[in-house]
N, C-alpha and C. Protein backbone atom coordinates (compact mmCIF):
# COMPACT_ATOMS: atom_id res chain seq x y z
N MET A 1 -22.96 68.79 26.85
CA MET A 1 -23.36 67.91 25.77
C MET A 1 -23.78 66.58 26.38
N GLY A 2 -24.95 66.13 26.05
CA GLY A 2 -25.46 64.87 26.58
C GLY A 2 -25.58 63.83 25.49
N GLY A 3 -25.91 62.64 25.89
CA GLY A 3 -26.00 61.56 24.94
C GLY A 3 -27.43 61.20 24.59
N LYS A 4 -28.34 62.16 24.60
CA LYS A 4 -29.74 61.82 24.43
C LYS A 4 -30.13 61.44 23.00
N HIS A 5 -29.37 61.83 22.01
CA HIS A 5 -29.71 61.49 20.63
C HIS A 5 -28.97 60.27 20.11
N GLY A 6 -28.09 59.71 20.87
CA GLY A 6 -27.38 58.51 20.46
C GLY A 6 -26.26 58.74 19.48
N LYS A 7 -25.79 59.97 19.34
CA LYS A 7 -24.69 60.24 18.42
C LYS A 7 -23.37 59.73 18.98
N TYR A 8 -23.24 59.77 20.29
CA TYR A 8 -22.01 59.35 20.94
C TYR A 8 -22.31 58.27 21.96
N ALA A 9 -21.31 57.43 22.20
CA ALA A 9 -21.41 56.39 23.22
C ALA A 9 -20.03 56.20 23.82
N TYR A 10 -19.98 55.51 24.92
CA TYR A 10 -18.71 55.17 25.54
C TYR A 10 -18.53 53.66 25.47
N VAL A 11 -17.32 53.23 25.16
CA VAL A 11 -17.01 51.81 25.06
C VAL A 11 -16.13 51.44 26.25
N LEU A 12 -16.55 50.41 26.98
CA LEU A 12 -15.78 49.92 28.12
C LEU A 12 -14.71 48.96 27.61
N ARG A 13 -13.44 49.36 27.81
CA ARG A 13 -12.33 48.50 27.42
C ARG A 13 -12.13 47.43 28.48
N ASN A 14 -11.40 46.38 28.14
CA ASN A 14 -11.16 45.29 29.08
C ASN A 14 -10.28 45.70 30.25
N ASP A 15 -9.54 46.82 30.13
CA ASP A 15 -8.68 47.26 31.22
C ASP A 15 -9.41 48.23 32.17
N GLY A 16 -10.72 48.47 31.95
CA GLY A 16 -11.49 49.28 32.87
C GLY A 16 -11.66 50.73 32.48
N TRP A 17 -11.05 51.18 31.40
CA TRP A 17 -11.18 52.56 30.93
C TRP A 17 -12.33 52.65 29.93
N TYR A 18 -12.94 53.83 29.83
CA TYR A 18 -14.00 54.11 28.87
C TYR A 18 -13.46 55.05 27.81
N VAL A 19 -13.85 54.83 26.54
CA VAL A 19 -13.42 55.68 25.44
C VAL A 19 -14.66 56.14 24.68
N LYS A 20 -14.71 57.43 24.36
CA LYS A 20 -15.85 58.01 23.65
C LYS A 20 -15.75 57.70 22.16
N VAL A 21 -16.87 57.25 21.57
CA VAL A 21 -16.93 56.96 20.14
C VAL A 21 -18.14 57.65 19.53
N ARG A 22 -18.04 57.99 18.28
CA ARG A 22 -19.15 58.56 17.51
C ARG A 22 -19.83 57.40 16.82
N VAL A 23 -21.15 57.33 16.94
CA VAL A 23 -21.93 56.25 16.33
C VAL A 23 -22.67 56.82 15.13
N LEU A 24 -22.36 56.30 13.96
CA LEU A 24 -23.03 56.75 12.73
C LEU A 24 -24.18 55.79 12.44
N LYS A 25 -25.39 56.28 12.61
CA LYS A 25 -26.58 55.43 12.48
C LYS A 25 -26.85 55.01 11.04
N SER A 26 -26.38 55.79 10.08
CA SER A 26 -26.67 55.49 8.68
C SER A 26 -25.87 54.30 8.15
N ARG A 27 -24.89 53.86 8.89
CA ARG A 27 -24.05 52.74 8.45
C ARG A 27 -24.39 51.50 9.27
N GLU A 28 -24.89 50.49 8.61
CA GLU A 28 -25.31 49.26 9.28
C GLU A 28 -24.20 48.20 9.22
N ASP A 29 -23.83 47.67 10.37
CA ASP A 29 -22.86 46.56 10.48
C ASP A 29 -21.58 46.79 9.69
N ASP A 30 -21.10 48.00 9.67
CA ASP A 30 -19.89 48.35 8.94
C ASP A 30 -18.82 48.72 9.96
N ALA A 31 -17.59 48.45 9.64
CA ALA A 31 -16.49 48.78 10.56
C ALA A 31 -16.34 50.29 10.73
N SER A 32 -16.86 51.06 9.79
CA SER A 32 -16.75 52.52 9.88
C SER A 32 -17.91 53.13 10.64
N LYS A 33 -18.76 52.33 11.25
CA LYS A 33 -19.91 52.84 12.01
C LYS A 33 -19.46 53.55 13.29
N TYR A 34 -18.35 53.11 13.87
CA TYR A 34 -17.83 53.68 15.11
C TYR A 34 -16.53 54.41 14.84
N ILE A 35 -16.46 55.69 15.27
CA ILE A 35 -15.26 56.49 15.11
C ILE A 35 -14.80 56.92 16.50
N VAL A 36 -13.59 56.58 16.86
CA VAL A 36 -13.05 56.94 18.16
C VAL A 36 -12.74 58.44 18.16
N VAL A 37 -13.33 59.18 19.11
CA VAL A 37 -13.16 60.63 19.12
C VAL A 37 -12.61 61.19 20.42
N GLY A 38 -12.75 60.48 21.50
CA GLY A 38 -12.42 61.11 22.77
C GLY A 38 -11.29 60.46 23.53
N PRO A 39 -10.86 61.13 24.58
CA PRO A 39 -9.84 60.55 25.44
C PRO A 39 -10.45 59.48 26.33
N LYS A 40 -9.59 58.72 26.97
CA LYS A 40 -10.09 57.68 27.86
C LYS A 40 -10.46 58.29 29.21
N ARG A 41 -11.45 57.70 29.87
CA ARG A 41 -11.95 58.18 31.16
C ARG A 41 -12.16 56.99 32.08
N ARG A 42 -12.20 57.27 33.37
CA ARG A 42 -12.49 56.21 34.34
C ARG A 42 -13.98 55.96 34.49
N GLU A 43 -14.80 57.02 34.42
CA GLU A 43 -16.24 56.91 34.57
C GLU A 43 -16.93 57.62 33.40
N PRO A 44 -17.92 56.99 32.76
CA PRO A 44 -18.64 57.68 31.69
C PRO A 44 -19.72 58.59 32.26
N PRO A 45 -20.14 59.61 31.52
CA PRO A 45 -21.26 60.42 31.96
C PRO A 45 -22.54 59.57 32.04
N VAL A 46 -23.45 59.96 32.89
CA VAL A 46 -24.66 59.18 33.13
C VAL A 46 -25.57 59.13 31.91
N SER A 47 -25.63 60.20 31.13
CA SER A 47 -26.58 60.29 30.04
C SER A 47 -26.13 59.60 28.75
N PHE A 48 -24.94 59.02 28.73
CA PHE A 48 -24.43 58.36 27.53
C PHE A 48 -24.63 56.85 27.62
N PRO A 49 -24.93 56.21 26.49
CA PRO A 49 -24.99 54.75 26.49
C PRO A 49 -23.58 54.16 26.59
N VAL A 50 -23.48 52.99 27.19
CA VAL A 50 -22.19 52.32 27.36
C VAL A 50 -22.23 50.99 26.60
N LEU A 51 -21.24 50.79 25.74
CA LEU A 51 -21.09 49.54 24.99
C LEU A 51 -19.91 48.77 25.56
N LYS A 52 -19.93 47.47 25.42
CA LYS A 52 -18.78 46.66 25.81
C LYS A 52 -17.86 46.51 24.61
N GLU A 53 -16.63 46.22 24.89
CA GLU A 53 -15.62 46.11 23.82
C GLU A 53 -15.98 45.03 22.82
N ASP A 54 -16.64 43.97 23.26
CA ASP A 54 -17.00 42.87 22.36
C ASP A 54 -18.09 43.24 21.36
N GLU A 55 -18.81 44.36 21.60
CA GLU A 55 -19.90 44.76 20.73
C GLU A 55 -19.46 45.60 19.54
N VAL A 56 -18.21 46.01 19.49
CA VAL A 56 -17.72 46.84 18.38
C VAL A 56 -16.83 45.99 17.47
N PRO A 57 -16.67 46.37 16.20
CA PRO A 57 -15.84 45.60 15.27
C PRO A 57 -14.37 45.57 15.69
N GLU A 58 -13.64 44.62 15.16
CA GLU A 58 -12.23 44.41 15.50
C GLU A 58 -11.38 45.64 15.18
N GLU A 59 -11.64 46.29 14.07
CA GLU A 59 -10.86 47.47 13.68
C GLU A 59 -11.03 48.59 14.70
N THR A 60 -12.24 48.78 15.19
CA THR A 60 -12.51 49.80 16.20
C THR A 60 -11.86 49.44 17.53
N ARG A 61 -11.83 48.14 17.85
CA ARG A 61 -11.20 47.69 19.10
C ARG A 61 -9.72 48.07 19.14
N ARG A 62 -9.05 47.92 18.03
CA ARG A 62 -7.63 48.29 17.98
C ARG A 62 -7.45 49.79 18.19
N GLN A 63 -8.35 50.58 17.64
CA GLN A 63 -8.25 52.03 17.80
C GLN A 63 -8.54 52.47 19.24
N LEU A 64 -9.31 51.71 19.98
CA LEU A 64 -9.61 52.05 21.38
C LEU A 64 -8.36 52.09 22.23
N TYR A 65 -7.39 51.25 21.92
CA TYR A 65 -6.16 51.18 22.72
C TYR A 65 -5.09 52.14 22.24
N GLN A 66 -5.33 52.86 21.15
CA GLN A 66 -4.36 53.86 20.69
C GLN A 66 -4.61 55.21 21.34
N VAL A 67 -5.69 55.33 22.10
CA VAL A 67 -6.02 56.59 22.78
C VAL A 67 -5.32 56.64 24.11
């Protein structure tokens, strides 16, 4: 599974881990646009976009650390 359609992305946490999130394109600037779906990883796959933790809403940031 690759990230060519933009359905999934990886978010870089401040502690250096990456977490996979589902990006819902139909929702604009809503806290429910990002859904945390995957386990944390040290390196993201090359074909996936990488977001920084500051680019996601506060509610999603809290969920990143529960994985």
